[in-house]
PDB file of N, CA and C in Angstrom:
ATOM      1  N   MET A   1      -0.585  -2.823 -11.289  1.00  0.00           N
ATOM      2  CA  MET A   1      -0.614  -3.732 -10.050  1.00  0.00           C
ATOM      3  C   MET A   1      -2.142  -4.284 -10.237  1.00  0.00           C
ATOM      4  N   ARG A   2      -3.004  -3.288 -11.376  1.00  0.00           N
ATOM      5  CA  ARG A   2      -4.020  -3.674 -11.483  1.00  0.00           C
ATOM      6  C   ARG A   2      -4.335  -5.231 -11.951  1.00  0.00           C
ATOM      7  N   ILE A   3      -2.899  -5.498 -13.126  1.00  0.00           N
ATOM      8  CA  ILE A   3      -3.208  -7.246 -13.517  1.00  0.00           C
ATOM      9  C   ILE A   3      -2.488  -7.867 -12.209  1.00  0.00           C
ATOM     10  N   TYR A   4      -2.034  -7.436 -11.124  1.00  0.00           N
ATOM     11  CA  TYR A   4      -1.923  -8.757  -9.836  1.00  0.00           C
ATOM     12  C   TYR A   4      -3.170  -8.685  -9.256  1.00  0.00           C
ATOM     13  N   ALA A   5      -3.884  -7.728  -9.065  1.00  0.00           N
ATOM     14  CA  ALA A   5      -5.207  -7.784  -8.261  1.00  0.00           C
ATOM     15  C   ALA A   5      -6.115  -8.393  -9.235  1.00  0.00           C
ATOM     16  N   GLN A   6      -6.684  -8.179 -10.429  1.00  0.00           N
ATOM     17  CA  GLN A   6      -7.356  -9.096 -11.136  1.00  0.00           C
ATOM     18  C   GLN A   6      -6.665 -10.513 -11.007  1.00  0.00           C
ATOM     19  N   VAL A   7      -5.757 -10.915 -11.330  1.00  0.00           N
ATOM     20  CA  VAL A   7      -5.343 -12.389 -11.398  1.00  0.00           C
ATOM     21  C   VAL A   7      -5.887 -12.671  -9.993  1.00  0.00           C
ATOM     22  N   ASN A   8      -5.658 -12.149  -8.758  1.00  0.00           N
ATOM     23  CA  ASN A   8      -6.470 -12.531  -7.763  1.00  0.00           C
ATOM     24  C   ASN A   8      -7.865 -12.289  -7.346  1.00  0.00           C
ATOM     25  N   ASP A   9      -8.582 -11.941  -7.957  1.00  0.00           N
ATOM     26  CA  ASP A   9     -10.130 -11.471  -7.934  1.00  0.00           C
ATOM     27  C   ASP A   9     -10.337 -10.354  -7.087  1.00  0.00           C
ATOM     28  N   GLY A  10      -9.568  -9.301  -7.395  1.00  0.00           N
ATOM     29  CA  GLY A  10      -9.467  -7.894  -6.683  1.00  0.00           C
ATOM     30  C   GLY A  10      -9.564  -6.913  -7.544  1.00  0.00           C
ATOM     31  N   GLU A  11      -9.882  -5.621  -6.980  1.00  0.00           N
ATOM     32  CA  GLU A  11      -9.989  -4.499  -7.830  1.00  0.00           C
ATOM     33  C   GLU A  11      -8.595  -3.582  -7.386  1.00  0.00           C
ATOM     34  N   ILE A  12      -8.413  -2.258  -7.785  1.00  0.00           N
ATOM     35  CA  ILE A  12      -7.598  -1.268  -7.009  1.00  0.00           C
ATOM     36  C   ILE A  12      -8.844   0.127  -7.185  1.00  0.00           C
ATOM     37  N   PHE A  13      -7.732   0.307  -5.807  1.00  0.00           N
ATOM     38  CA  PHE A  13      -8.682   1.961  -5.758  1.00  0.00           C
ATOM     39  C   PHE A  13      -7.500   2.912  -5.500  1.00  0.00           C
ATOM     40  N   HIS A  14      -8.159   4.354  -5.577  1.00  0.00           N
ATOM     41  CA  HIS A  14      -7.383   5.382  -5.123  1.00  0.00           C
ATOM     42  C   HIS A  14      -8.357   6.006  -3.581  1.00  0.00           C
ATOM     43  N   TYR A  15      -7.312   6.259  -2.580  1.00  0.00           N
ATOM     44  CA  TYR A  15      -7.829   6.565  -1.601  1.00  0.00           C
ATOM     45  C   TYR A  15      -7.692   8.573  -1.041  1.00  0.00           C
ATOM     46  N   ARG A  16      -8.248   9.238  -0.960  1.00  0.00           N
ATOM     47  CA  ARG A  16      -8.171  10.649  -0.732  1.00  0.00           C
ATOM     48  C   ARG A  16      -9.543  11.046  -0.165  1.00  0.00           C
ATOM     49  N   ASP A  17      -9.418  11.854   0.964  1.00  0.00           N
ATOM     50  CA  ASP A  17     -10.368  12.070   2.265  1.00  0.00           C
ATOM     51  C   ASP A  17     -10.529  13.698   2.063  1.00  0.00           C
ATOM     52  N   LYS A  18     -10.995  13.819   3.186  1.00  0.00           N
ATOM     53  CA  LYS A  18     -11.885  15.590   3.835  1.00  0.00           C
ATOM     54  C   LYS A  18     -10.159  16.174   4.573  1.00  0.00           C
ATOM     55  N   ASP A  19      -9.465  15.092   4.921  1.00  0.00           N
ATOM     56  CA  ASP A  19      -8.475  15.676   5.774  1.00  0.00           C
ATOM     57  C   ASP A  19      -7.090  15.883   4.342  1.00  0.00           C
ATOM     58  N   ASN A  20      -7.117  15.189   3.616  1.00  0.00           N
ATOM     59  CA  ASN A  20      -5.670  15.868   2.206  1.00  0.00           C
ATOM     60  C   ASN A  20      -5.172  13.951   2.526  1.00  0.00           C
ATOM     61  N   LEU A  21      -5.645  13.158   2.945  1.00  0.00           N
ATOM     62  CA  LEU A  21      -4.904  12.122   3.070  1.00  0.00           C
ATOM     63  C   LEU A  21      -5.176  11.346   1.975  1.00  0.00           C
ATOM     64  N   GLU A  22      -3.757  10.726   1.337  1.00  0.00           N
ATOM     65  CA  GLU A  22      -4.536  10.536   0.016  1.00  0.00           C
ATOM     66  C   GLU A  22      -3.424   9.179  -0.356  1.00  0.00           C
ATOM     67  N   ILE A  23      -3.880   8.038  -0.348  1.00  0.00           N
ATOM     68  CA  ILE A  23      -2.991   6.726  -0.874  1.00  0.00           C
ATOM     69  C   ILE A  23      -3.119   5.917  -2.374  1.00  0.00           C
ATOM     70  N   ASP A  24      -2.119   6.201  -2.768  1.00  0.00           N
ATOM     71  CA  ASP A  24      -2.208   5.843  -4.431  1.00  0.00           C
ATOM     72  C   ASP A  24      -2.882   4.772  -5.139  1.00  0.00           C
ATOM     73  N   LEU A  25      -2.194   3.434  -3.940  1.00  0.00           N
ATOM     74  CA  LEU A  25      -3.680   2.666  -4.754  1.00  0.00           C
ATOM     75  C   LEU A  25      -4.225   1.740  -3.264  1.00  0.00           C
ATOM     76  N   ILE A  26      -5.287   1.338  -3.231  1.00  0.00           N
ATOM     77  CA  ILE A  26      -6.034   0.412  -2.418  1.00  0.00           C
ATOM     78  C   ILE A  26      -6.049  -1.166  -3.403  1.00  0.00           C
ATOM     79  N   ILE A  27      -5.505  -2.117  -2.532  1.00  0.00           N
ATOM     80  CA  ILE A  27      -5.570  -2.899  -3.232  1.00  0.00           C
ATOM     81  C   ILE A  27      -7.109  -4.325  -2.636  1.00  0.00           C
ATOM     82  N   SER A  28      -7.954  -4.344  -3.310  1.00  0.00           N
ATOM     83  CA  SER A  28      -9.311  -4.532  -2.503  1.00  0.00           C
ATOM     84  C   SER A  28      -9.766  -6.102  -3.165  1.00  0.00           C
ATOM     85  N   LEU A  29      -9.567  -7.260  -2.530  1.00  0.00           N
ATOM     86  CA  LEU A  29     -10.067  -8.549  -2.905  1.00  0.00           C
ATOM     87  C   LEU A  29     -11.596  -8.564  -2.724  1.00  0.00           C
ATOM     88  N   HIS A  30     -11.924  -9.763  -3.222  1.00  0.00           N
ATOM     89  CA  HIS A  30     -13.058  -9.702  -2.711  1.00  0.00           C
ATOM     90  C   HIS A  30     -13.531 -10.335  -1.842  1.00  0.00           C
ATOM     91  N   ASP A  31     -12.666 -11.064  -1.133  1.00  0.00           N
ATOM     92  CA  ASP A  31     -12.934 -11.969   0.301  1.00  0.00           C
ATOM     93  C   ASP A  31     -12.547 -10.943   1.728  1.00  0.00           C
ATOM     94  N   GLY A  32     -12.445  -9.766   0.802  1.00  0.00           N
ATOM     95  CA  GLY A  32     -12.003  -9.126   2.071  1.00  0.00           C
ATOM     96  C   GLY A  32     -10.837  -8.404   2.081  1.00  0.00           C
ATOM     97  N   ARG A  33     -10.031  -9.059   2.227  1.00  0.00           N
ATOM     98  CA  ARG A  33      -8.295  -8.671   2.284  1.00  0.00           C
ATOM     99  C   ARG A  33      -8.220  -7.551   1.560  1.00  0.00           C
ATOM    100  N   TRP A  34      -7.524  -6.539   2.165  1.00  0.00           N
ATOM    101  CA  TRP A  34      -6.723  -5.124   1.081  1.00  0.00           C
ATOM    102  C   TRP A  34      -5.785  -4.984   1.854  1.00  0.00           C
ATOM    103  N   ALA A  35      -4.777  -3.697   0.763  1.00  0.00           N
ATOM    104  CA  ALA A  35      -3.806  -3.518   1.306  1.00  0.00           C
ATOM    105  C   ALA A  35      -3.326  -1.917   0.674  1.00  0.00           C
ATOM    106  N   PRO A  36      -2.926  -1.137   1.469  1.00  0.00           N
ATOM    107  CA  PRO A  36      -2.777   0.376   0.776  1.00  0.00           C
ATOM    108  C   PRO A  36      -1.265   0.255   0.154  1.00  0.00           C
ATOM    109  N   VAL A  37      -1.296   1.002  -0.879  1.00  0.00           N
ATOM    110  CA  VAL A  37       0.317   0.959  -0.932  1.00  0.00           C
ATOM    111  C   VAL A  37       0.909   2.469  -1.814  1.00  0.00           C
ATOM    112  N   GLU A  38       2.007   2.641  -1.614  1.00  0.00           N
ATOM    113  CA  GLU A  38       2.018   4.163  -1.726  1.00  0.00           C
ATOM    114  C   GLU A  38       3.344   3.546  -2.907  1.00  0.00           C
ATOM    115  N   VAL A  39       3.207   4.522  -4.083  1.00  0.00           N
ATOM    116  CA  VAL A  39       3.794   4.940  -5.405  1.00  0.00           C
ATOM    117  C   VAL A  39       5.089   6.229  -4.921  1.00  0.00           C
ATOM    118  N   LYS A  40       6.462   5.450  -4.794  1.00  0.00           N
ATOM    119  CA  LYS A  40       7.452   6.718  -4.360  1.00  0.00           C
ATOM    120  C   LYS A  40       8.880   6.235  -5.352  1.00  0.00           C
ATOM    121  N   LEU A  41       8.992   6.960  -6.129  1.00  0.00           N
ATOM    122  CA  LEU A  41       9.823   6.616  -7.109  1.00  0.00           C
ATOM    123  C   LEU A  41      11.186   6.786  -6.297  1.00  0.00           C
ATOM    124  N   GLY A  42      11.341   7.834  -5.903  1.00  0.00           N
ATOM    125  CA  GLY A  42      12.427   8.619  -4.929  1.00  0.00           C
ATOM    126  C   GLY A  42      12.668   7.810  -3.435  1.00  0.00           C
ATOM    127  N   GLU A  43      13.974   6.963  -3.338  1.00  0.00           N
ATOM    128  CA  GLU A  43      14.017   6.176  -2.463  1.00  0.00           C
ATOM    129  C   GLU A  43      14.143   7.487  -0.810  1.00  0.00           C
ATOM    130  N   HIS A  44      14.099   8.454  -1.447  1.00  0.00           N
ATOM    131  CA  HIS A  44      14.110   9.762   0.100  1.00  0.00           C
ATOM    132  C   HIS A  44      12.881  10.024   0.721  1.00  0.00           C
ATOM    133  N   ARG A  45      12.044   9.344  -0.243  1.00  0.00           N
ATOM    134  CA  ARG A  45      10.245   9.954   0.183  1.00  0.00           C
ATOM    135  C   ARG A  45       9.377   8.240   0.990  1.00  0.00           C
ATOM    136  N   ILE A  46      10.289   7.354   0.898  1.00  0.00           N
ATOM    137  CA  ILE A  46       9.847   6.140   1.930  1.00  0.00           C
ATOM    138  C   ILE A  46       9.354   6.753   3.200  1.00  0.00           C
ATOM    139  N   ASP A  47       9.821   7.167   3.730  1.00  0.00           N
ATOM    140  CA  ASP A  47       9.707   7.830   4.987  1.00  0.00           C
ATOM    141  C   ASP A  47       7.890   8.625   5.110  1.00  0.00           C
ATOM    142  N   GLU A  48       8.104   9.552   4.416  1.00  0.00           N
ATOM    143  CA  GLU A  48       7.038  10.208   4.036  1.00  0.00           C
ATOM    144  C   GLU A  48       6.037   9.105   3.776  1.00  0.00           C
ATOM    145  N   ALA A  49       6.274   8.547   2.829  1.00  0.00           N
ATOM    146  CA  ALA A  49       5.107   7.160   2.376  1.00  0.00           C
ATOM    147  C   ALA A  49       4.789   6.526   3.493  1.00  0.00           C
ATOM    148  N   ALA A  50       5.405   6.092   4.519  1.00  0.00           N
ATOM    149  CA  ALA A  50       5.248   5.310   5.341  1.00  0.00           C
ATOM    150  C   ALA A  50       4.023   5.989   6.207  1.00  0.00           C
ATOM    151  N   GLU A  51       4.819   7.046   6.379  1.00  0.00           N
ATOM    152  CA  GLU A  51       3.444   7.708   7.429  1.00  0.00           C
ATOM    153  C   GLU A  51       2.416   8.089   7.107  1.00  0.00           C
ATOM    154  N   SER A  52       2.583   7.974   5.541  1.00  0.00           N
ATOM    155  CA  SER A  52       0.775   8.191   5.024  1.00  0.00           C
ATOM    156  C   SER A  52      -0.108   7.086   4.977  1.00  0.00           C
ATOM    157  N   LEU A  53       0.868   5.588   5.030  1.00  0.00           N
ATOM    158  CA  LEU A  53       0.039   4.578   5.258  1.00  0.00           C
ATOM    159  C   LEU A  53      -0.499   3.891   6.627  1.00  0.00           C
ATOM    160  N   MET A  54       0.654   4.343   7.825  1.00  0.00           N
ATOM    161  CA  MET A  54       0.142   4.284   9.129  1.00  0.00           C
ATOM    162  C   MET A  54      -0.772   5.350   9.232  1.00  0.00           C
ATOM    163  N   ARG A  55      -1.093   6.304   8.776  1.00  0.00           N
ATOM    164  CA  ARG A  55      -2.366   7.543   8.806  1.00  0.00           C
ATOM    165  C   ARG A  55      -3.177   7.056   8.593  1.00  0.00           C
ATOM    166  N   LEU A  56      -3.566   5.938   7.616  1.00  0.00           N
ATOM    167  CA  LEU A  56      -4.641   5.379   6.899  1.00  0.00           C
ATOM    168  C   LEU A  56      -4.711   4.239   8.156  1.00  0.00           C
ATOM    169  N   LYS A  57      -4.064   3.319   7.939  1.00  0.00           N
ATOM    170  CA  LYS A  57      -4.088   2.132   8.769  1.00  0.00           C
ATOM    171  C   LYS A  57      -4.694   3.200  10.553  1.00  0.00           C
ATOM    172  N   ASN A  58      -4.304   4.075  11.003  1.00  0.00           N
ATOM    173  CA  ASN A  58      -4.896   4.742  12.127  1.00  0.00           C
ATOM    174  C   ASN A  58      -6.360   5.104  12.154  1.00  0.00           C
ATOM    175  N   LYS A  59      -6.625   5.228  11.111  1.00  0.00           N
ATOM    176  CA  LYS A  59      -8.211   6.519  10.926  1.00  0.00           C
ATOM    177  C   LYS A  59      -9.053   5.216  10.020  1.00  0.00           C
ATOM    178  N   VAL A  60      -8.435   4.319   9.679  1.00  0.00           N
ATOM    179  CA  VAL A  60      -9.697   3.536   9.429  1.00  0.00           C
ATOM    180  C   VAL A  60     -10.336   2.324  10.070  1.00  0.00           C
ATOM    181  N   CYS A  61     -11.550   2.062  10.134  1.00  0.00           N
ATOM    182  CA  CYS A  61     -12.005   1.336  11.351  1.00  0.00           C
ATOM    183  C   CYS A  61     -11.821  -0.082  11.119  1.00  0.00           C
ATOM    184  N   THR A  62     -10.719  -0.833  11.703  1.00  0.00           N
ATOM    185  CA  THR A  62     -10.304  -1.701  11.356  1.00  0.00           C
ATOM    186  C   THR A  62     -11.322  -3.285  11.796  1.00  0.00           C
ATOM    187  N   SER A  63     -12.433  -3.084  13.071  1.00  0.00           N
ATOM    188  CA  SER A  63     -13.233  -3.967  13.724  1.00  0.00           C
ATOM    189  C   SER A  63     -14.254  -3.996  12.430  1.00  0.00           C
ATOM    190  N   ARG A  64     -14.534  -2.987  11.296  1.00  0.00           N
ATOM    191  CA  ARG A  64     -15.407  -3.393  10.397  1.00  0.00           C
ATOM    192  C   ARG A  64     -15.150  -3.772   8.982  1.00  0.00           C
ATOM    193  N   ILE A  65     -13.452  -3.252   8.679  1.00  0.00           N
ATOM    194  CA  ILE A  65     -12.973  -3.976   7.541  1.00  0.00           C
ATOM    195  C   ILE A  65     -11.688  -4.604   7.746  1.00  0.00           C
ATOM    196  N   GLY A  66     -11.211  -5.085   8.967  1.00  0.00           N
ATOM    197  CA  GLY A  66     -10.560  -6.158   9.286  1.00  0.00           C
ATOM    198  C   GLY A  66      -9.072  -5.131   9.074  1.00  0.00           C
ATOM    199  N   GLU A  67      -8.044  -5.759   9.409  1.00  0.00           N
ATOM    200  CA  GLU A  67      -6.703  -5.058   9.317  1.00  0.00           C
ATOM    201  C   GLU A  67      -5.974  -5.224   7.722  1.00  0.00           C
ATOM    202  N   PRO A  68      -5.310  -4.062   7.789  1.00  0.00           N
ATOM    203  CA  PRO A  68      -4.285  -4.754   5.979  1.00  0.00           C
ATOM    204  C   PRO A  68      -3.822  -5.940   6.213  1.00  0.00           C
ATOM    205  N   SER A  69      -3.743  -6.299   4.680  1.00  0.00           N
ATOM    206  CA  SER A  69      -3.449  -8.075   4.949  1.00  0.00           C
ATOM    207  C   SER A  69      -1.445  -6.944   4.672  1.00  0.00           C
ATOM    208  N   PHE A  70      -1.485  -6.071   4.823  1.00  0.00           N
ATOM    209  CA  PHE A  70       0.199  -5.612   4.540  1.00  0.00           C
ATOM    210  C   PHE A  70       0.116  -4.398   3.849  1.00  0.00           C
ATOM    211  N   MET A  71       1.010  -3.139   4.128  1.00  0.00           N
ATOM    212  CA  MET A  71       1.319  -1.865   3.709  1.00  0.00           C
ATOM    213  C   MET A  71       2.595  -1.563   2.854  1.00  0.00           C
ATOM    214  N   MET A  72       2.741  -1.228   1.922  1.00  0.00           N
ATOM    215  CA  MET A  72       3.800  -1.484   1.084  1.00  0.00           C
ATOM    216  C   MET A  72       4.078  -0.221   0.305  1.00  0.00           C
ATOM    217  N   VAL A  73       5.732   0.496   0.327  1.00  0.00           N
ATOM    218  CA  VAL A  73       5.683   1.396  -0.665  1.00  0.00           C
ATOM    219  C   VAL A  73       6.514   0.895  -1.742  1.00  0.00           C
ATOM    220  N   LEU A  74       6.022   1.093  -3.020  1.00  0.00           N
ATOM    221  CA  LEU A  74       6.586   0.522  -4.319  1.00  0.00           C
ATOM    222  C   LEU A  74       7.344   2.038  -4.800  1.00  0.00           C
ATOM    223  N   THR A  75       8.198   1.628  -4.851  1.00  0.00           N
ATOM    224  CA  THR A  75       9.464   2.802  -5.224  1.00  0.00           C
ATOM    225  C   THR A  75      10.519   1.885  -6.075  1.00  0.00           C
ATOM    226  N   GLY A  76      11.280   3.120  -6.562  1.00  0.00           N
ATOM    227  CA  GLY A  76      12.575   2.903  -7.719  1.00  0.00           C
ATOM    228  C   GLY A  76      13.547   2.001  -7.529  1.00  0.00           C
ATOM    229  N   GLY A  77      13.692   1.955  -5.980  1.00  0.00           N
ATOM    230  CA  GLY A  77      14.891   1.598  -5.095  1.00  0.00           C
ATOM    231  C   GLY A  77      15.673   0.363  -5.894  1.00  0.00           C
ATOM    232  N   ARG A  78      16.764  -0.409  -5.152  1.00  0.00           N
ATOM    233  CA  ARG A  78      16.903  -1.521  -5.451  1.00  0.00           C
ATOM    234  C   ARG A  78      17.090  -2.649  -4.540  1.00  0.00           C
ATOM    235  N   TYR A  79      16.921  -2.296  -3.317  1.00  0.00           N
ATOM    236  CA  TYR A  79      16.685  -3.448  -2.507  1.00  0.00           C
ATOM    237  C   TYR A  79      14.979  -3.632  -1.671  1.00  0.00           C
ATOM    238  N   ALA A  80      14.824  -4.535  -1.773  1.00  0.00           N
ATOM    239  CA  ALA A  80      13.401  -4.836  -1.212  1.00  0.00           C
ATOM    240  C   ALA A  80      13.316  -5.266   0.813  1.00  0.00           C
ATOM    241  N   TYR A  81      12.899  -4.952   1.309  1.00  0.00           N
ATOM    242  CA  TYR A  81      13.434  -4.857   2.843  1.00  0.00           C
ATOM    243  C   TYR A  81      11.489  -4.846   3.869  1.00  0.00           C
ATOM    244  N   LYS A  82      11.814  -5.043   5.074  1.00  0.00           N
ATOM    245  CA  LYS A  82      10.835  -5.007   5.971  1.00  0.00           C
ATOM    246  C   LYS A  82      11.383  -3.940   6.788  1.00  0.00           C
ATOM    247  N   ARG A  83      10.359  -2.799   7.242  1.00  0.00           N
ATOM    248  CA  ARG A  83      10.687  -1.573   8.003  1.00  0.00           C
ATOM    249  C   ARG A  83      10.745  -2.211   9.109  1.00  0.00           C
ATOM    250  N   PRO A  84      10.840  -1.953  10.752  1.00  0.00           N
ATOM    251  CA  PRO A  84      10.746  -2.172  11.915  1.00  0.00           C
ATOM    252  C   PRO A  84       8.570  -1.361  12.188  1.00  0.00           C
ATOM    253  N   ASP A  85       8.660  -0.770  11.118  1.00  0.00           N
ATOM    254  CA  ASP A  85       6.818  -0.798  11.641  1.00  0.00           C
ATOM    255  C   ASP A  85       6.307  -1.607  10.893  1.00  0.00           C
ATOM    256  N   GLY A  86       6.683  -2.671   9.940  1.00  0.00           N
ATOM    257  CA  GLY A  86       6.296  -3.628   9.344  1.00  0.00           C
ATOM    258  C   GLY A  86       5.594  -3.317   8.020  1.00  0.00           C
ATOM    259  N   ILE A  87       6.176  -1.888   7.791  1.00  0.00           N
ATOM    260  CA  ILE A  87       5.778  -1.694   5.840  1.00  0.00           C
ATOM    261  C   ILE A  87       6.810  -1.945   5.238  1.00  0.00           C
ATOM    262  N   LEU A  88       6.335  -2.978   4.142  1.00  0.00           N
ATOM    263  CA  LEU A  88       7.189  -3.529   2.927  1.00  0.00           C
ATOM    264  C   LEU A  88       7.766  -2.309   2.425  1.00  0.00           C
ATOM    265  N   VAL A  89       8.724  -2.304   1.847  1.00  0.00           N
ATOM    266  CA  VAL A  89       9.782  -1.596   0.599  1.00  0.00           C
ATOM    267  C   VAL A  89       9.884  -2.404  -0.614  1.00  0.00           C
ATOM    268  N   VAL A  90       9.590  -2.272  -1.867  1.00  0.00           N
ATOM    269  CA  VAL A  90       9.497  -2.761  -2.491  1.00  0.00           C
ATOM    270  C   VAL A  90       9.874  -2.701  -3.716  1.00  0.00           C
ATOM    271  N   PRO A  91      10.838  -2.947  -4.433  1.00  0.00           N
ATOM    272  CA  PRO A  91      11.037  -1.885  -5.717  1.00  0.00           C
ATOM    273  C   PRO A  91      10.244  -2.676  -6.853  1.00  0.00           C
ATOM    274  N   LEU A  92      10.515  -1.568  -7.573  1.00  0.00           N
ATOM    275  CA  LEU A  92       9.056  -2.212  -8.863  1.00  0.00           C
ATOM    276  C   LEU A  92       9.850  -2.914  -9.718  1.00  0.00           C
ATOM    277  N   GLY A  93      11.111  -3.115  -9.915  1.00  0.00           N
ATOM    278  CA  GLY A  93      11.254  -4.618 -10.527  1.00  0.00           C
ATOM    279  C   GLY A  93      11.266  -5.716 -10.035  1.00  0.00           C
ATOM    280  N   CYS A  94      10.620  -5.823  -8.440  1.00  0.00           N
ATOM    281  CA  CYS A  94      10.200  -7.127  -7.980  1.00  0.00           C
ATOM    282  C   CYS A  94       8.977  -7.524  -8.444  1.00  0.00           C
ATOM    283  N   LEU A  95       8.001  -6.952  -8.998  1.00  0.00           N
ATOM    284  CA  LEU A  95       6.765  -7.159  -9.160  1.00  0.00           C
ATOM    285  C   LEU A  95       6.957  -7.729 -10.905  1.00  0.00           C
ATOM    286  N   LYS A  96       8.329  -7.903 -11.094  1.00  0.00           N
ATOM    287  CA  LYS A  96       8.105  -8.867 -12.749  1.00  0.00           C
ATOM    288  C   LYS A  96       7.440 -10.024 -12.590  1.00  0.00           C
ATOM    289  N   ASP A  97       7.461 -10.406 -13.566  1.00  0.00           N
ATOM    290  CA  ASP A  97       6.974 -12.404 -13.502  1.00  0.00           C
ATOM    291  C   ASP A  97       5.765 -12.363 -12.578  1.00  0.00           C
TER     292      ASP A  97
END
């Protein structure tokens, strides 16, 4: 993920707050766009990851930093899809090339 961020003039951060909300990756581009990513290799943990992403979205001041460009669960699964809540579920294999 770091390579993808650097190619797009960005950086990768980790998020953890005092309420123990933790997000594995925050992609931050220098033009102000950002996106949170949770990494869950087991497909049975996608809902848990999506819940964390929604908690973050509801917690941050989007009037100050803007809405996330996307929210994603990076998984070891086989299929990419968009959940009804708008969160992208993307298999690790889709990141090649």
